[in-house]
């Protein structure tokens, strides 16, 4: 299953690793239908926000078309959770003993190859990946109060600007929350820092963007921030 590609122009390339809950034919995860619509299978609302931002900014975007339960595009190939056997306390029995090398070849490698080709074609100065997070993990976590989290690893050029901009706009903003990009930042480590391109991930609390009105609102909040950061990066 090939990624969804949105053509565009300009300095920003948008990425959505967990855009889909699709399970390809021939794969049986062994889970109930209800789980396929939960955060363990898809970043709820993230694809809609990515498409809305691409439209507002005229920016190119790439969206994965396979569920993170089949293979997680935001994990390196040797990561234990690449083909998860349990996710937020839910067993995924169909992944026990799965051929991870086959899934890498079919889905993971083509997705990252397509992203690399888009970077080579558009030569962006800023990569922004769009994710969403659940207000609290089912397996147990403190409530997550942030509206937006900005995740980053070593390269802080864009991330620190984003945190300041969102905080200045009155958004409850997490600095490397709800988890740290220093611990998990595979896509941007590879395609951003690996190429010297400024980058950060945006995590949105998913109940804020699970309806069209929320998507419109948050895309409207985010788009001018991204434009301003891209201009600052280009001018630096």
C-alpha atoms as a PDB file:
ATOM      1  CA  UNK A   1       0.000   0.000   0.000  1.00  0.00           C
ATOM      2  CA  UNK A   2       1.636   3.184  -1.202  1.00  0.00           C
ATOM      3  CA  UNK A   3       1.635   6.348   0.933  1.00  0.00           C
ATOM      4  CA  UNK A   4      -0.779   9.187   0.237  1.00  0.00           C
ATOM      5  CA  UNK A   5       1.147  12.027  -1.386  1.00  0.00           C
ATOM      6  CA  UNK A   6      -0.123  15.597  -1.462  1.00  0.00           C
ATOM      7  CA  UNK A   7       1.713  17.789  -3.939  1.00  0.00           C
ATOM      8  CA  UNK A   8       2.627  21.307  -2.942  1.00  0.00           C
ATOM      9  CA  UNK A   9       5.280  23.969  -2.884  1.00  0.00           C
ATOM     10  CA  UNK A  10       7.228  26.071  -0.450  1.00  0.00           C
ATOM     11  CA  UNK A  11       9.634  25.382   2.391  1.00  0.00           C
ATOM     12  CA  UNK A  12       7.567  23.070   4.628  1.00  0.00           C
ATOM     13  CA  UNK A  13       7.032  19.328   4.217  1.00  0.00           C
ATOM     14  CA  UNK A  14       4.309  17.751   6.354  1.00  0.00           C
ATOM     15  CA  UNK A  15       4.495  14.132   7.562  1.00  0.00           C
ATOM     16  CA  UNK A  16       1.808  11.939   9.120  1.00  0.00           C
ATOM     17  CA  UNK A  17       3.208   8.549  10.153  1.00  0.00           C
ATOM     18  CA  UNK A  18       0.031   7.313  11.890  1.00  0.00           C
ATOM     19  CA  UNK A  19      -2.611   8.628   9.487  1.00  0.00           C
ATOM     20  CA  UNK A  20      -4.452   5.373   8.795  1.00  0.00           C
ATOM     21  CA  UNK A  21      -6.067   2.419  10.556  1.00  0.00           C
ATOM     22  CA  UNK A  22      -6.112   0.296   7.388  1.00  0.00           C
ATOM     23  CA  UNK A  23      -5.092  -3.348   7.659  1.00  0.00           C
ATOM     24  CA  UNK A  24      -3.939  -4.798   4.326  1.00  0.00           C
ATOM     25  CA  UNK A  25      -5.594  -7.937   2.934  1.00  0.00           C
ATOM     26  CA  UNK A  26      -3.988 -11.101   4.212  1.00  0.00           C
ATOM     27  CA  UNK A  27      -3.154  -9.701   7.652  1.00  0.00           C
ATOM     28  CA  UNK A  28      -5.358 -10.663  10.595  1.00  0.00           C
ATOM     29  CA  UNK A  29      -4.445  -8.796  13.767  1.00  0.00           C
ATOM     30  CA  UNK A  30      -6.836 -10.909  15.806  1.00  0.00           C
ATOM     31  CA  UNK A  31      -8.426  -7.931  17.557  1.00  0.00           C
ATOM     32  CA  UNK A  32     -11.983  -6.656  17.863  1.00  0.00           C
ATOM     33  CA  UNK A  33     -13.310  -4.153  15.335  1.00  0.00           C
ATOM     34  CA  UNK A  34     -13.679  -1.569  18.104  1.00  0.00           C
ATOM     35  CA  UNK A  35      -9.924  -1.437  18.701  1.00  0.00           C
ATOM     36  CA  UNK A  36      -9.144  -0.497  15.113  1.00  0.00           C
ATOM     37  CA  UNK A  37     -10.635   2.964  15.692  1.00  0.00           C
ATOM     38  CA  UNK A  38      -8.710   3.634  18.899  1.00  0.00           C
ATOM     39  CA  UNK A  39      -5.456   5.485  19.397  1.00  0.00           C
ATOM     40  CA  UNK A  40      -3.506   2.228  19.385  1.00  0.00           C
ATOM     41  CA  UNK A  41      -4.330   1.786  15.686  1.00  0.00           C
ATOM     42  CA  UNK A  42      -4.375   5.380  14.405  1.00  0.00           C
ATOM     43  CA  UNK A  43      -3.523   8.897  15.533  1.00  0.00           C
ATOM     44  CA  UNK A  44      -7.103  10.135  15.722  1.00  0.00           C
ATOM     45  CA  UNK A  45      -7.557  13.373  13.773  1.00  0.00           C
ATOM     46  CA  UNK A  46      -3.934  13.646  12.664  1.00  0.00           C
ATOM     47  CA  UNK A  47      -4.586  12.909   8.992  1.00  0.00           C
ATOM     48  CA  UNK A  48      -7.372  15.499   8.824  1.00  0.00           C
ATOM     49  CA  UNK A  49      -5.152  18.137  10.418  1.00  0.00           C
ATOM     50  CA  UNK A  50      -2.308  17.274   8.035  1.00  0.00           C
ATOM     51  CA  UNK A  51      -4.572  17.627   5.000  1.00  0.00           C
ATOM     52  CA  UNK A  52      -6.002  20.897   6.306  1.00  0.00           C
ATOM     53  CA  UNK A  53      -2.523  22.310   6.887  1.00  0.00           C
ATOM     54  CA  UNK A  54      -1.379  21.199   3.442  1.00  0.00           C
ATOM     55  CA  UNK A  55      -4.359  23.024   1.928  1.00  0.00           C
ATOM     56  CA  UNK A  56      -3.807  26.208   3.940  1.00  0.00           C
ATOM     57  CA  UNK A  57      -0.060  26.337   3.375  1.00  0.00           C
ATOM     58  CA  UNK A  58       0.008  24.873  -0.123  1.00  0.00           C
ATOM     59  CA  UNK A  59       2.588  22.507   1.327  1.00  0.00           C
ATOM     60  CA  UNK A  60       3.475  18.991   0.212  1.00  0.00           C
ATOM     61  CA  UNK A  61       2.620  16.160   2.580  1.00  0.00           C
ATOM     62  CA  UNK A  62       3.032  12.421   2.960  1.00  0.00           C
ATOM     63  CA  UNK A  63       0.573  10.286   4.914  1.00  0.00           C
ATOM     64  CA  UNK A  64       0.963   6.614   5.784  1.00  0.00           C
ATOM     65  CA  UNK A  65      -1.828   4.324   4.591  1.00  0.00           C
ATOM     66  CA  UNK A  66      -1.281   1.352   6.917  1.00  0.00           C
ATOM     67  CA  UNK A  67      -2.173   1.086  10.601  1.00  0.00           C
ATOM     68  CA  UNK A  68       0.550   1.418  13.186  1.00  0.00           C
ATOM     69  CA  UNK A  69      -0.645  -1.968  14.507  1.00  0.00           C
ATOM     70  CA  UNK A  70       0.514  -3.597  11.269  1.00  0.00           C
ATOM     71  CA  UNK A  71       3.859  -1.824  11.361  1.00  0.00           C
ATOM     72  CA  UNK A  72       4.834   1.406  13.062  1.00  0.00           C
ATOM     73  CA  UNK A  73       6.470   3.802  10.610  1.00  0.00           C
ATOM     74  CA  UNK A  74       7.752   5.878  13.521  1.00  0.00           C
ATOM     75  CA  UNK A  75       9.922   3.044  14.850  1.00  0.00           C
ATOM     76  CA  UNK A  76      13.326   1.977  13.523  1.00  0.00           C
ATOM     77  CA  UNK A  77      13.425  -1.478  11.916  1.00  0.00           C
ATOM     78  CA  UNK A  78      15.136  -3.046  14.941  1.00  0.00           C
ATOM     79  CA  UNK A  79      12.709  -1.584  17.511  1.00  0.00           C
ATOM     80  CA  UNK A  80      10.840  -4.100  19.669  1.00  0.00           C
ATOM     81  CA  UNK A  81       7.564  -2.259  19.043  1.00  0.00           C
ATOM     82  CA  UNK A  82       7.877  -2.111  15.260  1.00  0.00           C
ATOM     83  CA  UNK A  83       5.244  -4.865  14.924  1.00  0.00           C
ATOM     84  CA  UNK A  84       3.542  -4.551  18.310  1.00  0.00           C
ATOM     85  CA  UNK A  85       2.358  -7.642  20.154  1.00  0.00           C
ATOM     86  CA  UNK A  86       0.707  -5.476  22.815  1.00  0.00           C
ATOM     87  CA  UNK A  87      -0.366  -1.832  22.699  1.00  0.00           C
ATOM     88  CA  UNK A  88      -1.621   0.179  25.674  1.00  0.00           C
ATOM     89  CA  UNK A  89      -2.483  -3.064  27.437  1.00  0.00           C
ATOM     90  CA  UNK A  90      -4.308  -4.629  24.477  1.00  0.00           C
ATOM     91  CA  UNK A  91      -2.816  -7.890  23.116  1.00  0.00           C
ATOM     92  CA  UNK A  92      -2.379  -8.013  19.336  1.00  0.00           C
ATOM     93  CA  UNK A  93      -2.301 -11.798  18.858  1.00  0.00           C
ATOM     94  CA  UNK A  94      -2.045 -11.676  15.071  1.00  0.00           C
ATOM     95  CA  UNK A  95       1.370 -10.045  15.380  1.00  0.00           C
ATOM     96  CA  UNK A  96       2.873 -12.820  17.484  1.00  0.00           C
ATOM     97  CA  UNK A  97       5.352 -14.581  15.236  1.00  0.00           C
ATOM     98  CA  UNK A  98       4.650 -12.209  12.313  1.00  0.00           C
ATOM     99  CA  UNK A  99       7.311 -11.897   9.617  1.00  0.00           C
ATOM    100  CA  UNK A 100       8.619  -8.439  10.469  1.00  0.00           C
ATOM    101  CA  UNK A 101      11.078  -8.484   7.561  1.00  0.00           C
ATOM    102  CA  UNK A 102       8.230  -9.013   5.114  1.00  0.00           C
ATOM    103  CA  UNK A 103       6.302  -6.115   6.638  1.00  0.00           C
ATOM    104  CA  UNK A 104       9.363  -3.895   6.512  1.00  0.00           C
ATOM    105  CA  UNK A 105       9.846  -4.710   2.831  1.00  0.00           C
ATOM    106  CA  UNK A 106       6.161  -4.233   1.960  1.00  0.00           C
ATOM    107  CA  UNK A 107       5.304  -1.145   3.978  1.00  0.00           C
ATOM    108  CA  UNK A 108       8.005   0.451   6.136  1.00  0.00           C
ATOM    109  CA  UNK A 109      10.816   0.698   3.599  1.00  0.00           C
ATOM    110  CA  UNK A 110       8.613   2.033   0.736  1.00  0.00           C
ATOM    111  CA  UNK A 111       7.113   4.691   3.013  1.00  0.00           C
ATOM    112  CA  UNK A 112      10.478   6.004   4.130  1.00  0.00           C
ATOM    113  CA  UNK A 113      11.836   5.745   0.605  1.00  0.00           C
ATOM    114  CA  UNK A 114       8.938   7.884  -0.653  1.00  0.00           C
ATOM    115  CA  UNK A 115       9.564  10.417   2.100  1.00  0.00           C
ATOM    116  CA  UNK A 116      13.246  10.570   1.194  1.00  0.00           C
ATOM    117  CA  UNK A 117      12.340  11.132  -2.443  1.00  0.00           C
ATOM    118  CA  UNK A 118       9.979  13.968  -1.503  1.00  0.00           C
ATOM    119  CA  UNK A 119      12.752  15.642   0.473  1.00  0.00           C
ATOM    120  CA  UNK A 120      15.051  15.342  -2.513  1.00  0.00           C
ATOM    121  CA  UNK A 121      12.405  16.784  -4.811  1.00  0.00           C
ATOM    122  CA  UNK A 122      11.062  19.662  -2.685  1.00  0.00           C
ATOM    123  CA  UNK A 123      14.207  20.453  -0.691  1.00  0.00           C
ATOM    124  CA  UNK A 124      12.260  21.787   2.294  1.00  0.00           C
ATOM    125  CA  UNK A 125      13.875  23.831   5.044  1.00  0.00           C
ATOM    126  CA  UNK A 126      11.412  22.498   7.642  1.00  0.00           C
ATOM    127  CA  UNK A 127       9.899  19.076   8.334  1.00  0.00           C
ATOM    128  CA  UNK A 128       6.845  18.921  10.582  1.00  0.00           C
ATOM    129  CA  UNK A 129       5.275  15.619  11.591  1.00  0.00           C
ATOM    130  CA  UNK A 130       1.694  15.605  12.858  1.00  0.00           C
ATOM    131  CA  UNK A 131       0.574  13.181  15.582  1.00  0.00           C
ATOM    132  CA  UNK A 132      -2.134  12.982  18.212  1.00  0.00           C
ATOM    133  CA  UNK A 133      -2.226  11.573  21.732  1.00  0.00           C
ATOM    134  CA  UNK A 134      -4.916  10.225  23.994  1.00  0.00           C
ATOM    135  CA  UNK A 135      -5.787  12.272  27.121  1.00  0.00           C
ATOM    136  CA  UNK A 136      -4.668   9.352  29.310  1.00  0.00           C
ATOM    137  CA  UNK A 137      -3.371   5.879  28.581  1.00  0.00           C
ATOM    138  CA  UNK A 138      -5.784   3.031  29.291  1.00  0.00           C
ATOM    139  CA  UNK A 139      -2.972   1.027  30.846  1.00  0.00           C
ATOM    140  CA  UNK A 140      -2.454   3.797  33.362  1.00  0.00           C
ATOM    141  CA  UNK A 141      -1.020   7.289  33.198  1.00  0.00           C
ATOM    142  CA  UNK A 142      -1.614  10.666  34.730  1.00  0.00           C
ATOM    143  CA  UNK A 143      -4.001  12.900  32.790  1.00  0.00           C
ATOM    144  CA  UNK A 144      -2.223  14.703  29.970  1.00  0.00           C
ATOM    145  CA  UNK A 145      -3.165  18.380  30.198  1.00  0.00           C
ATOM    146  CA  UNK A 146      -1.363  19.693  27.122  1.00  0.00           C
ATOM    147  CA  UNK A 147      -3.289  20.818  24.075  1.00  0.00           C
ATOM    148  CA  UNK A 148      -0.185  20.609  21.918  1.00  0.00           C
ATOM    149  CA  UNK A 149       3.138  18.934  22.559  1.00  0.00           C
ATOM    150  CA  UNK A 150       6.295  19.833  20.631  1.00  0.00           C
ATOM    151  CA  UNK A 151       8.733  16.935  20.322  1.00  0.00           C
ATOM    152  CA  UNK A 152      12.350  17.158  19.242  1.00  0.00           C
ATOM    153  CA  UNK A 153      15.751  15.569  19.717  1.00  0.00           C
ATOM    154  CA  UNK A 154      19.063  17.381  19.291  1.00  0.00           C
ATOM    155  CA  UNK A 155      18.067  19.994  16.714  1.00  0.00           C
ATOM    156  CA  UNK A 156      16.148  22.705  18.572  1.00  0.00           C
ATOM    157  CA  UNK A 157      16.151  25.405  15.890  1.00  0.00           C
ATOM    158  CA  UNK A 158      12.498  25.020  14.964  1.00  0.00           C
ATOM    159  CA  UNK A 159      11.141  23.325  18.095  1.00  0.00           C
ATOM    160  CA  UNK A 160      12.042  26.117  20.505  1.00  0.00           C
ATOM    161  CA  UNK A 161      10.462  28.661  18.193  1.00  0.00           C
ATOM    162  CA  UNK A 162       7.308  26.553  18.011  1.00  0.00           C
ATOM    163  CA  UNK A 163       7.054  26.220  21.801  1.00  0.00           C
ATOM    164  CA  UNK A 164       7.442  29.978  22.263  1.00  0.00           C
ATOM    165  CA  UNK A 165       4.911  30.754  19.529  1.00  0.00           C
ATOM    166  CA  UNK A 166       2.223  28.420  20.839  1.00  0.00           C
ATOM    167  CA  UNK A 167       2.737  29.484  24.439  1.00  0.00           C
ATOM    168  CA  UNK A 168       2.530  33.094  23.310  1.00  0.00           C
ATOM    169  CA  UNK A 169      -0.797  32.316  21.651  1.00  0.00           C
ATOM    170  CA  UNK A 170      -2.162  30.945  24.930  1.00  0.00           C
ATOM    171  CA  UNK A 171      -1.954  27.280  23.929  1.00  0.00           C
ATOM    172  CA  UNK A 172      -1.190  24.819  26.740  1.00  0.00           C
ATOM    173  CA  UNK A 173       2.058  23.538  25.242  1.00  0.00           C
ATOM    174  CA  UNK A 174       4.209  20.601  26.277  1.00  0.00           C
ATOM    175  CA  UNK A 175       7.982  20.781  25.847  1.00  0.00           C
ATOM    176  CA  UNK A 176       8.861  17.219  24.792  1.00  0.00           C
ATOM    177  CA  UNK A 177       5.515  16.060  26.219  1.00  0.00           C
ATOM    178  CA  UNK A 178       3.566  13.743  26.403  1.00  0.00           C
ATOM    179  CA  UNK A 179       6.800  11.865  25.666  1.00  0.00           C
ATOM    180  CA  UNK A 180      10.267  12.990  24.737  1.00  0.00           C
ATOM    181  CA  UNK A 181      11.619  13.223  21.227  1.00  0.00           C
ATOM    182  CA  UNK A 182      14.973  12.418  22.768  1.00  0.00           C
ATOM    183  CA  UNK A 183      13.637   8.919  23.405  1.00  0.00           C
ATOM    184  CA  UNK A 184      11.566   8.384  20.256  1.00  0.00           C
ATOM    185  CA  UNK A 185      12.081  10.530  17.169  1.00  0.00           C
ATOM    186  CA  UNK A 186      12.793   7.996  14.437  1.00  0.00           C
ATOM    187  CA  UNK A 187      11.264   9.674  11.382  1.00  0.00           C
ATOM    188  CA  UNK A 188      12.715  13.102  12.112  1.00  0.00           C
ATOM    189  CA  UNK A 189      16.065  11.715  13.270  1.00  0.00           C
ATOM    190  CA  UNK A 190      16.408   9.957   9.943  1.00  0.00           C
ATOM    191  CA  UNK A 191      14.979  12.499   7.542  1.00  0.00           C
ATOM    192  CA  UNK A 192      15.428  15.751   9.466  1.00  0.00           C
ATOM    193  CA  UNK A 193      18.547  15.620  11.595  1.00  0.00           C
ATOM    194  CA  UNK A 194      20.081  13.071   9.247  1.00  0.00           C
ATOM    195  CA  UNK A 195      19.853  15.615   6.429  1.00  0.00           C
ATOM    196  CA  UNK A 196      20.532  18.762   8.445  1.00  0.00           C
ATOM    197  CA  UNK A 197      16.911  19.903   8.036  1.00  0.00           C
ATOM    198  CA  UNK A 198      15.162  21.678  10.914  1.00  0.00           C
ATOM    199  CA  UNK A 199      12.272  19.621  12.223  1.00  0.00           C
ATOM    200  CA  UNK A 200       9.862  18.942  15.051  1.00  0.00           C
ATOM    201  CA  UNK A 201       6.770  16.884  15.761  1.00  0.00           C
ATOM    202  CA  UNK A 202       3.410  18.279  16.809  1.00  0.00           C
ATOM    203  CA  UNK A 203       1.303  16.143  19.147  1.00  0.00           C
ATOM    204  CA  UNK A 204      -2.334  17.239  19.516  1.00  0.00           C
ATOM    205  CA  UNK A 205      -4.636  15.898  22.225  1.00  0.00           C
ATOM    206  CA  UNK A 206      -6.963  13.779  20.159  1.00  0.00           C
ATOM    207  CA  UNK A 207     -10.341  14.816  21.535  1.00  0.00           C
ATOM    208  CA  UNK A 208      -9.561  18.343  20.321  1.00  0.00           C
ATOM    209  CA  UNK A 209      -9.386  17.184  16.696  1.00  0.00           C
ATOM    210  CA  UNK A 210     -11.793  14.260  16.473  1.00  0.00           C
ATOM    211  CA  UNK A 211     -14.454  16.434  14.787  1.00  0.00           C
ATOM    212  CA  UNK A 212     -14.284  18.710  11.735  1.00  0.00           C
ATOM    213  CA  UNK A 213     -14.705  21.924  13.737  1.00  0.00           C
ATOM    214  CA  UNK A 214     -11.713  21.038  15.900  1.00  0.00           C
ATOM    215  CA  UNK A 215      -9.612  20.232  12.842  1.00  0.00           C
ATOM    216  CA  UNK A 216     -10.438  23.600  11.277  1.00  0.00           C
ATOM    217  CA  UNK A 217      -9.675  25.454  14.505  1.00  0.00           C
ATOM    218  CA  UNK A 218      -6.330  23.824  15.202  1.00  0.00           C
ATOM    219  CA  UNK A 219      -5.144  23.956  11.602  1.00  0.00           C
ATOM    220  CA  UNK A 220      -5.883  27.667  11.756  1.00  0.00           C
ATOM    221  CA  UNK A 221      -3.809  27.991  14.937  1.00  0.00           C
ATOM    222  CA  UNK A 222      -0.896  25.935  13.632  1.00  0.00           C
ATOM    223  CA  UNK A 223      -0.545  27.153  10.041  1.00  0.00           C
ATOM    224  CA  UNK A 224       0.698  30.701  10.761  1.00  0.00           C
ATOM    225  CA  UNK A 225       3.136  29.379  13.357  1.00  0.00           C
ATOM    226  CA  UNK A 226       4.664  27.009  10.802  1.00  0.00           C
ATOM    227  CA  UNK A 227       4.899  29.772   8.202  1.00  0.00           C
ATOM    228  CA  UNK A 228       6.659  32.057  10.648  1.00  0.00           C
ATOM    229  CA  UNK A 229       9.125  29.371  11.696  1.00  0.00           C
ATOM    230  CA  UNK A 230       9.946  28.481   8.094  1.00  0.00           C
ATOM    231  CA  UNK A 231      10.611  32.148   7.323  1.00  0.00           C
ATOM    232  CA  UNK A 232      12.848  32.456  10.372  1.00  0.00           C
ATOM    233  CA  UNK A 233      14.793  29.312   9.433  1.00  0.00           C
ATOM    234  CA  UNK A 234      15.298  30.563   5.895  1.00  0.00           C
ATOM    235  CA  UNK A 235      16.502  33.942   7.151  1.00  0.00           C
ATOM    236  CA  UNK A 236      18.864  32.573   9.783  1.00  0.00           C
END
